[in-house]
Amino acid sequence: MNLQGKEMVDESKEAIESSKAIQEMAKTGGKVVGLVRDFGKFIAKYIDGPVEQGVGIFEDKLHYMRFERQVRYMERVNQLMASLGKDVPTKAIPLKLAVPLFQAASLEDDDYLQDMWARLLVNASISERGMELRRAHIDILERLSHLEVLILEKIYSLPADKIKGSSIITGQLPDAVSVEGKDQEKLVSPNEEVTMALANLDRLGCIKLPTTWDGAEIFTSVCPTVMGESLVKACQF
């Protein structure tokens, strides 16, 4: 094959590859347009607004986030709604709460934590669930790790009347907890990872760490708080 023929073959290959690339971009573009519309409709339902407003919120606040996480979140919420026999929400969520909630939920890479966001949205949007969404729920949840959520759920899995005014032993977290009794054996401190998780939960007001007379934190037991109980209830299903 002469040089001119080789150049023509190369150009032909480049044209084919370019055509394939354009086709793939068109397919992707179509998917993006479809997702924008779908997620816009999804948002519109929960803010009780027109689809155009939902699309506008998506394009303004959520367009840069990972599509697969947005799709998963939308699907999980729809599944939870279906399990309640609901097609649409019965209570609108104020925009000042809806936008940060959708942002945080779309950014979440951990499936377990994203499911927490899904339950939070459904509970807040179904009046029969009797839950009032608060900005604190959103602010705190987006600052929690997987381990911290497991610890929080384990602590508040104990009956409310059992833990009220009591100290909760932390030595076996995140696997188990118990209420401190009068004849309790010598308390054991949790490992470093759990200790750091408890410190953050205390910082966020989800638990209360006891302290020594000079202010040093004690990690062998914790006390429940109103905020911690409220957050766990808001994300339960």
C-alpha atoms as a PDB file:
ATOM      1  CA  MET A   1       0.000   0.000   0.000  1.00  0.00           C
ATOM      2  CA  ASN A   2       1.379   3.391  -0.992  1.00  0.00           C
ATOM      3  CA  LEU A   3       1.596   6.372   1.350  1.00  0.00           C
ATOM      4  CA  GLN A   4      -1.486   8.054  -0.094  1.00  0.00           C
ATOM      5  CA  GLY A   5      -3.556   4.892   0.357  1.00  0.00           C
ATOM      6  CA  LYS A   6      -2.384   4.506   3.951  1.00  0.00           C
ATOM      7  CA  GLU A   7      -3.349   8.099   4.712  1.00  0.00           C
ATOM      8  CA  MET A   8      -6.816   7.497   3.275  1.00  0.00           C
ATOM      9  CA  VAL A   9      -7.261   4.374   5.432  1.00  0.00           C
ATOM     10  CA  ASP A  10      -6.124   6.284   8.547  1.00  0.00           C
ATOM     11  CA  GLU A  11      -8.510   9.117   7.790  1.00  0.00           C
ATOM     12  CA  SER A  12     -11.322   6.603   7.295  1.00  0.00           C
ATOM     13  CA  LYS A  13     -10.586   5.006  10.677  1.00  0.00           C
ATOM     14  CA  GLU A  14     -10.520   8.416  12.327  1.00  0.00           C
ATOM     15  CA  ALA A  15     -13.867   9.278  10.730  1.00  0.00           C
ATOM     16  CA  ILE A  16     -15.396   6.026  12.017  1.00  0.00           C
ATOM     17  CA  GLU A  17     -14.047   6.567  15.525  1.00  0.00           C
ATOM     18  CA  SER A  18     -15.250  10.150  15.495  1.00  0.00           C
ATOM     19  CA  SER A  19     -18.687   9.021  14.371  1.00  0.00           C
ATOM     20  CA  LYS A  20     -18.811   6.453  17.178  1.00  0.00           C
ATOM     21  CA  ALA A  21     -17.782   9.082  19.698  1.00  0.00           C
ATOM     22  CA  ILE A  22     -20.496  11.441  18.501  1.00  0.00           C
ATOM     23  CA  GLN A  23     -23.080   8.655  18.752  1.00  0.00           C
ATOM     24  CA  GLU A  24     -22.019   7.834  22.301  1.00  0.00           C
ATOM     25  CA  MET A  25     -22.147  11.502  23.268  1.00  0.00           C
ATOM     26  CA  ALA A  26     -25.645  11.720  21.785  1.00  0.00           C
ATOM     27  CA  LYS A  27     -26.736   8.682  23.794  1.00  0.00           C
ATOM     28  CA  THR A  28     -25.254  10.132  26.972  1.00  0.00           C
ATOM     29  CA  GLY A  29     -26.787  13.480  26.255  1.00  0.00           C
ATOM     30  CA  GLY A  30     -30.168  11.840  25.819  1.00  0.00           C
ATOM     31  CA  LYS A  31     -29.800  10.039  29.128  1.00  0.00           C
ATOM     32  CA  VAL A  32     -28.844  13.278  30.847  1.00  0.00           C
ATOM     33  CA  VAL A  33     -31.850  15.108  29.436  1.00  0.00           C
ATOM     34  CA  GLY A  34     -34.105  12.247  30.524  1.00  0.00           C
ATOM     35  CA  LEU A  35     -32.622  12.210  34.015  1.00  0.00           C
ATOM     36  CA  VAL A  36     -32.979  15.959  34.409  1.00  0.00           C
ATOM     37  CA  ARG A  37     -36.644  15.671  33.533  1.00  0.00           C
ATOM     38  CA  ASP A  38     -37.227  12.629  35.754  1.00  0.00           C
ATOM     39  CA  PHE A  39     -35.445  14.101  38.759  1.00  0.00           C
ATOM     40  CA  GLY A  40     -37.182  17.410  38.156  1.00  0.00           C
ATOM     41  CA  LYS A  41     -40.550  15.639  38.356  1.00  0.00           C
ATOM     42  CA  PHE A  42     -39.346  13.823  41.461  1.00  0.00           C
ATOM     43  CA  ILE A  43     -38.367  17.071  43.193  1.00  0.00           C
ATOM     44  CA  ALA A  44     -41.571  18.809  42.117  1.00  0.00           C
ATOM     45  CA  LYS A  45     -43.678  16.183  43.910  1.00  0.00           C
ATOM     46  CA  TYR A  46     -41.991  16.784  47.237  1.00  0.00           C
ATOM     47  CA  ILE A  47     -42.056  20.576  47.132  1.00  0.00           C
ATOM     48  CA  ASP A  48     -45.605  20.628  45.707  1.00  0.00           C
ATOM     49  CA  GLY A  49     -44.509  22.750  42.768  1.00  0.00           C
ATOM     50  CA  PRO A  50     -44.577  22.609  38.955  1.00  0.00           C
ATOM     51  CA  VAL A  51     -42.219  20.320  37.071  1.00  0.00           C
ATOM     52  CA  GLU A  52     -40.415  23.369  35.668  1.00  0.00           C
ATOM     53  CA  GLN A  53     -39.535  24.441  39.200  1.00  0.00           C
ATOM     54  CA  GLY A  54     -38.207  20.967  40.000  1.00  0.00           C
ATOM     55  CA  VAL A  55     -36.117  20.946  36.820  1.00  0.00           C
ATOM     56  CA  GLY A  56     -34.837  24.424  37.659  1.00  0.00           C
ATOM     57  CA  ILE A  57     -33.734  23.305  41.120  1.00  0.00           C
ATOM     58  CA  PHE A  58     -31.980  20.297  39.606  1.00  0.00           C
ATOM     59  CA  GLU A  59     -30.147  22.350  36.994  1.00  0.00           C
ATOM     60  CA  ASP A  60     -29.212  25.064  39.478  1.00  0.00           C
ATOM     61  CA  LYS A  61     -28.210  22.952  42.488  1.00  0.00           C
ATOM     62  CA  LEU A  62     -27.830  19.294  41.558  1.00  0.00           C
ATOM     63  CA  HIS A  63     -26.618  19.065  37.950  1.00  0.00           C
ATOM     64  CA  TYR A  64     -22.964  18.603  38.944  1.00  0.00           C
ATOM     65  CA  MET A  65     -23.614  15.599  41.181  1.00  0.00           C
ATOM     66  CA  ARG A  66     -23.199  11.955  40.184  1.00  0.00           C
ATOM     67  CA  PHE A  67     -26.168  10.742  38.179  1.00  0.00           C
ATOM     68  CA  GLU A  68     -26.008   7.155  39.403  1.00  0.00           C
ATOM     69  CA  ARG A  69     -26.337   8.288  43.022  1.00  0.00           C
ATOM     70  CA  GLN A  70     -29.270  10.527  42.146  1.00  0.00           C
ATOM     71  CA  VAL A  71     -30.970   7.682  40.306  1.00  0.00           C
ATOM     72  CA  ARG A  72     -30.418   5.275  43.198  1.00  0.00           C
ATOM     73  CA  TYR A  73     -31.812   7.783  45.688  1.00  0.00           C
ATOM     74  CA  MET A  74     -34.892   8.403  43.569  1.00  0.00           C
ATOM     75  CA  GLU A  75     -35.481   4.655  43.208  1.00  0.00           C
ATOM     76  CA  ARG A  76     -35.104   4.002  46.951  1.00  0.00           C
ATOM     77  CA  VAL A  77     -37.557   6.769  47.825  1.00  0.00           C
ATOM     78  CA  ASN A  78     -40.045   5.435  45.275  1.00  0.00           C
ATOM     79  CA  GLN A  79     -39.699   1.932  46.745  1.00  0.00           C
ATOM     80  CA  LEU A  80     -40.383   3.197  50.259  1.00  0.00           C
ATOM     81  CA  MET A  81     -43.368   5.205  49.067  1.00  0.00           C
ATOM     82  CA  ALA A  82     -44.743   2.132  47.288  1.00  0.00           C
ATOM     83  CA  SER A  83     -44.350   0.054  50.455  1.00  0.00           C
ATOM     84  CA  LEU A  84     -46.671   2.548  52.156  1.00  0.00           C
ATOM     85  CA  GLY A  85     -49.134   2.360  49.308  1.00  0.00           C
ATOM     86  CA  LYS A  86     -48.423   5.949  48.318  1.00  0.00           C
ATOM     87  CA  ASP A  87     -47.891   7.392  44.855  1.00  0.00           C
ATOM     88  CA  VAL A  88     -47.406  11.000  45.896  1.00  0.00           C
ATOM     89  CA  PRO A  89     -46.460  12.788  49.119  1.00  0.00           C
ATOM     90  CA  THR A  90     -49.215  14.095  51.371  1.00  0.00           C
ATOM     91  CA  LYS A  91     -47.147  16.930  52.840  1.00  0.00           C
ATOM     92  CA  ALA A  92     -44.940  19.406  50.982  1.00  0.00           C
ATOM     93  CA  ILE A  93     -41.406  20.059  52.171  1.00  0.00           C
ATOM     94  CA  PRO A  94     -40.315  23.713  52.368  1.00  0.00           C
ATOM     95  CA  LEU A  95     -37.720  24.651  49.759  1.00  0.00           C
ATOM     96  CA  LYS A  96     -35.233  25.774  52.411  1.00  0.00           C
ATOM     97  CA  LEU A  97     -35.206  22.170  53.682  1.00  0.00           C
ATOM     98  CA  ALA A  98     -35.822  20.289  50.429  1.00  0.00           C
ATOM     99  CA  VAL A  99     -32.830  21.687  48.525  1.00  0.00           C
ATOM    100  CA  PRO A 100     -30.132  20.869  51.135  1.00  0.00           C
ATOM    101  CA  LEU A 101     -31.762  17.456  51.695  1.00  0.00           C
ATOM    102  CA  PHE A 102     -31.623  16.555  47.981  1.00  0.00           C
ATOM    103  CA  GLN A 103     -28.056  17.872  47.740  1.00  0.00           C
ATOM    104  CA  ALA A 104     -26.800  15.810  50.668  1.00  0.00           C
ATOM    105  CA  ALA A 105     -28.661  12.681  49.556  1.00  0.00           C
ATOM    106  CA  SER A 106     -27.266  12.965  46.004  1.00  0.00           C
ATOM    107  CA  LEU A 107     -23.706  13.334  47.280  1.00  0.00           C
ATOM    108  CA  GLU A 108     -23.854  10.312  49.590  1.00  0.00           C
ATOM    109  CA  ASP A 109     -21.713   7.424  48.302  1.00  0.00           C
ATOM    110  CA  ASP A 110     -22.576   4.993  51.102  1.00  0.00           C
ATOM    111  CA  ASP A 111     -25.737   2.998  50.305  1.00  0.00           C
ATOM    112  CA  TYR A 112     -26.628   2.518  53.977  1.00  0.00           C
ATOM    113  CA  LEU A 113     -26.428   6.252  54.636  1.00  0.00           C
ATOM    114  CA  GLN A 114     -28.281   7.113  51.430  1.00  0.00           C
ATOM    115  CA  ASP A 115     -31.084   4.844  52.600  1.00  0.00           C
ATOM    116  CA  MET A 116     -31.219   6.982  55.752  1.00  0.00           C
ATOM    117  CA  TRP A 117     -31.763  10.021  53.526  1.00  0.00           C
ATOM    118  CA  ALA A 118     -34.502   8.177  51.647  1.00  0.00           C
ATOM    119  CA  ARG A 119     -36.332   7.323  54.865  1.00  0.00           C
ATOM    120  CA  LEU A 120     -35.933  10.878  56.113  1.00  0.00           C
ATOM    121  CA  LEU A 121     -37.550  12.276  52.965  1.00  0.00           C
ATOM    122  CA  VAL A 122     -40.459   9.829  53.007  1.00  0.00           C
ATOM    123  CA  ASN A 123     -41.146  10.311  56.714  1.00  0.00           C
ATOM    124  CA  ALA A 124     -41.112  14.081  56.251  1.00  0.00           C
ATOM    125  CA  SER A 125     -43.448  14.021  53.257  1.00  0.00           C
ATOM    126  CA  ILE A 126     -46.160  11.652  54.545  1.00  0.00           C
ATOM    127  CA  SER A 127     -48.315  13.427  57.117  1.00  0.00           C
ATOM    128  CA  GLU A 128     -49.458  10.127  58.654  1.00  0.00           C
ATOM    129  CA  ARG A 129     -45.871   9.405  59.716  1.00  0.00           C
ATOM    130  CA  GLY A 130     -46.151  12.252  62.220  1.00  0.00           C
ATOM    131  CA  MET A 131     -42.599  13.510  61.722  1.00  0.00           C
ATOM    132  CA  GLU A 132     -41.608  17.151  61.469  1.00  0.00           C
ATOM    133  CA  LEU A 133     -38.471  17.666  59.382  1.00  0.00           C
ATOM    134  CA  ARG A 134     -35.950  20.038  60.930  1.00  0.00           C
ATOM    135  CA  ARG A 135     -32.855  21.638  59.477  1.00  0.00           C
ATOM    136  CA  ALA A 136     -30.883  20.065  62.330  1.00  0.00           C
ATOM    137  CA  HIS A 137     -31.786  16.590  61.009  1.00  0.00           C
ATOM    138  CA  ILE A 138     -30.180  17.443  57.667  1.00  0.00           C
ATOM    139  CA  ASP A 139     -27.158  19.241  59.130  1.00  0.00           C
ATOM    140  CA  ILE A 140     -26.344  16.405  61.518  1.00  0.00           C
ATOM    141  CA  LEU A 141     -26.985  13.475  59.176  1.00  0.00           C
ATOM    142  CA  GLU A 142     -24.642  14.802  56.486  1.00  0.00           C
ATOM    143  CA  ARG A 143     -21.863  14.940  59.104  1.00  0.00           C
ATOM    144  CA  LEU A 144     -22.201  11.327  60.219  1.00  0.00           C
ATOM    145  CA  SER A 145     -20.130   8.360  59.080  1.00  0.00           C
ATOM    146  CA  HIS A 146     -21.409   4.823  58.585  1.00  0.00           C
ATOM    147  CA  LEU A 147     -19.988   3.773  61.967  1.00  0.00           C
ATOM    148  CA  GLU A 148     -21.490   6.763  63.757  1.00  0.00           C
ATOM    149  CA  VAL A 149     -24.937   5.976  62.375  1.00  0.00           C
ATOM    150  CA  LEU A 150     -24.616   2.336  63.479  1.00  0.00           C
ATOM    151  CA  ILE A 151     -23.653   3.474  66.973  1.00  0.00           C
ATOM    152  CA  LEU A 152     -26.496   5.954  67.122  1.00  0.00           C
ATOM    153  CA  GLU A 153     -29.045   3.373  65.997  1.00  0.00           C
ATOM    154  CA  LYS A 154     -27.734   0.853  68.515  1.00  0.00           C
ATOM    155  CA  ILE A 155     -27.937   3.328  71.407  1.00  0.00           C
ATOM    156  CA  TYR A 156     -31.486   4.401  70.601  1.00  0.00           C
ATOM    157  CA  SER A 157     -32.661   0.858  69.896  1.00  0.00           C
ATOM    158  CA  LEU A 158     -33.023   0.490  73.658  1.00  0.00           C
ATOM    159  CA  PRO A 159     -36.547   1.263  74.962  1.00  0.00           C
ATOM    160  CA  ALA A 160     -36.999   4.987  75.630  1.00  0.00           C
ATOM    161  CA  ASP A 161     -38.274   4.396  79.158  1.00  0.00           C
ATOM    162  CA  LYS A 162     -35.232   2.237  79.872  1.00  0.00           C
ATOM    163  CA  ILE A 163     -32.614   4.772  78.820  1.00  0.00           C
ATOM    164  CA  LYS A 164     -34.279   7.929  80.107  1.00  0.00           C
ATOM    165  CA  GLY A 165     -32.066   9.359  82.834  1.00  0.00           C
ATOM    166  CA  SER A 166     -29.654   6.430  82.480  1.00  0.00           C
ATOM    167  CA  SER A 167     -26.102   5.968  81.297  1.00  0.00           C
ATOM    168  CA  ILE A 168     -25.471   3.636  78.374  1.00  0.00           C
ATOM    169  CA  ILE A 169     -22.382   1.424  78.392  1.00  0.00           C
ATOM    170  CA  THR A 170     -20.199   1.799  75.297  1.00  0.00           C
ATOM    171  CA  GLY A 171     -17.535  -0.906  75.687  1.00  0.00           C
ATOM    172  CA  GLN A 172     -19.168  -3.310  73.205  1.00  0.00           C
ATOM    173  CA  LEU A 173     -20.151  -0.765  70.562  1.00  0.00           C
ATOM    174  CA  PRO A 174     -21.026  -0.915  67.731  1.00  0.00           C
ATOM    175  CA  ASP A 175     -22.228  -4.501  68.318  1.00  0.00           C
ATOM    176  CA  ALA A 176     -24.143  -4.087  71.577  1.00  0.00           C
ATOM    177  CA  VAL A 177     -25.149  -1.654  74.303  1.00  0.00           C
ATOM    178  CA  SER A 178     -26.668  -1.975  77.737  1.00  0.00           C
ATOM    179  CA  VAL A 179     -27.893   0.322  80.474  1.00  0.00           C
ATOM    180  CA  GLU A 180     -25.529   0.873  83.369  1.00  0.00           C
ATOM    181  CA  GLY A 181     -26.784  -0.734  86.573  1.00  0.00           C
ATOM    182  CA  LYS A 182     -25.913  -0.344  90.218  1.00  0.00           C
ATOM    183  CA  ASP A 183     -23.928  -3.567  90.268  1.00  0.00           C
ATOM    184  CA  GLN A 184     -22.295  -3.015  86.915  1.00  0.00           C
ATOM    185  CA  GLU A 185     -18.829  -4.517  86.580  1.00  0.00           C
ATOM    186  CA  LYS A 186     -15.872  -2.259  85.903  1.00  0.00           C
ATOM    187  CA  LEU A 187     -16.525  -0.362  82.713  1.00  0.00           C
ATOM    188  CA  VAL A 188     -14.319  -0.892  79.648  1.00  0.00           C
ATOM    189  CA  SER A 189     -13.400   1.888  77.239  1.00  0.00           C
ATOM    190  CA  PRO A 190     -14.279   1.317  73.560  1.00  0.00           C
ATOM    191  CA  ASN A 191     -11.605   1.111  70.884  1.00  0.00           C
ATOM    192  CA  GLU A 192     -10.132   4.233  69.323  1.00  0.00           C
ATOM    193  CA  GLU A 193     -12.400   4.214  66.273  1.00  0.00           C
ATOM    194  CA  VAL A 194     -15.540   4.043  68.412  1.00  0.00           C
ATOM    195  CA  THR A 195     -14.123   6.641  70.786  1.00  0.00           C
ATOM    196  CA  MET A 196     -13.685   9.123  67.928  1.00  0.00           C
ATOM    197  CA  ALA A 197     -17.186   8.344  66.697  1.00  0.00           C
ATOM    198  CA  LEU A 198     -18.618   9.024  70.156  1.00  0.00           C
ATOM    199  CA  ALA A 199     -16.694  12.293  70.328  1.00  0.00           C
ATOM    200  CA  ASN A 200     -18.295  13.448  67.082  1.00  0.00           C
ATOM    201  CA  LEU A 201     -21.773  12.339  68.157  1.00  0.00           C
ATOM    202  CA  ASP A 202     -21.285  14.336  71.355  1.00  0.00           C
ATOM    203  CA  ARG A 203     -20.135  17.362  69.332  1.00  0.00           C
ATOM    204  CA  LEU A 204     -23.283  17.151  67.224  1.00  0.00           C
ATOM    205  CA  GLY A 205     -25.544  16.847  70.257  1.00  0.00           C
ATOM    206  CA  CYS A 206     -26.666  13.273  69.524  1.00  0.00           C
ATOM    207  CA  ILE A 207     -25.317  11.924  72.818  1.00  0.00           C
ATOM    208  CA  LYS A 208     -23.801  13.429  75.939  1.00  0.00           C
ATOM    209  CA  LEU A 209     -20.408  12.318  77.190  1.00  0.00           C
ATOM    210  CA  PRO A 210     -19.860  12.481  80.956  1.00  0.00           C
ATOM    211  CA  THR A 211     -16.795  14.377  82.141  1.00  0.00           C
ATOM    212  CA  THR A 212     -14.464  14.320  85.094  1.00  0.00           C
ATOM    213  CA  TRP A 213     -14.364  17.169  87.630  1.00  0.00           C
ATOM    214  CA  ASP A 214     -11.676  18.876  85.540  1.00  0.00           C
ATOM    215  CA  GLY A 215     -13.634  18.578  82.271  1.00  0.00           C
ATOM    216  CA  ALA A 216     -11.960  15.514  80.705  1.00  0.00           C
ATOM    217  CA  GLU A 217     -14.296  13.361  78.591  1.00  0.00           C
ATOM    218  CA  ILE A 218     -15.237   9.870  79.769  1.00  0.00           C
ATOM    219  CA  PHE A 219     -15.994   7.345  77.021  1.00  0.00           C
ATOM    220  CA  THR A 220     -17.048   4.282  79.030  1.00  0.00           C
ATOM    221  CA  SER A 221     -20.682   5.411  79.018  1.00  0.00           C
ATOM    222  CA  VAL A 222     -22.887   8.045  77.400  1.00  0.00           C
ATOM    223  CA  CYS A 223     -26.248   9.671  78.039  1.00  0.00           C
ATOM    224  CA  PRO A 224     -29.001   9.960  75.397  1.00  0.00           C
ATOM    225  CA  THR A 225     -30.205  13.366  74.216  1.00  0.00           C
ATOM    226  CA  VAL A 226     -33.421  14.756  72.770  1.00  0.00           C
ATOM    227  CA  MET A 227     -31.650  15.575  69.500  1.00  0.00           C
ATOM    228  CA  GLY A 228     -30.180  12.112  69.098  1.00  0.00           C
ATOM    229  CA  GLU A 229     -33.526  10.448  69.702  1.00  0.00           C
ATOM    230  CA  SER A 230     -35.245  12.847  67.299  1.00  0.00           C
ATOM    231  CA  LEU A 231     -32.773  12.149  64.485  1.00  0.00           C
ATOM    232  CA  VAL A 232     -33.020   8.363  64.816  1.00  0.00           C
ATOM    233  CA  LYS A 233     -36.830   8.492  64.824  1.00  0.00           C
ATOM    234  CA  ALA A 234     -36.813  10.802  61.789  1.00  0.00           C
ATOM    235  CA  CYS A 235     -34.800   8.226  59.807  1.00  0.00           C
ATOM    236  CA  GLN A 236     -36.556   5.079  60.966  1.00  0.00           C
ATOM    237  CA  PHE A 237     -39.020   3.193  58.827  1.00  0.00           C
END
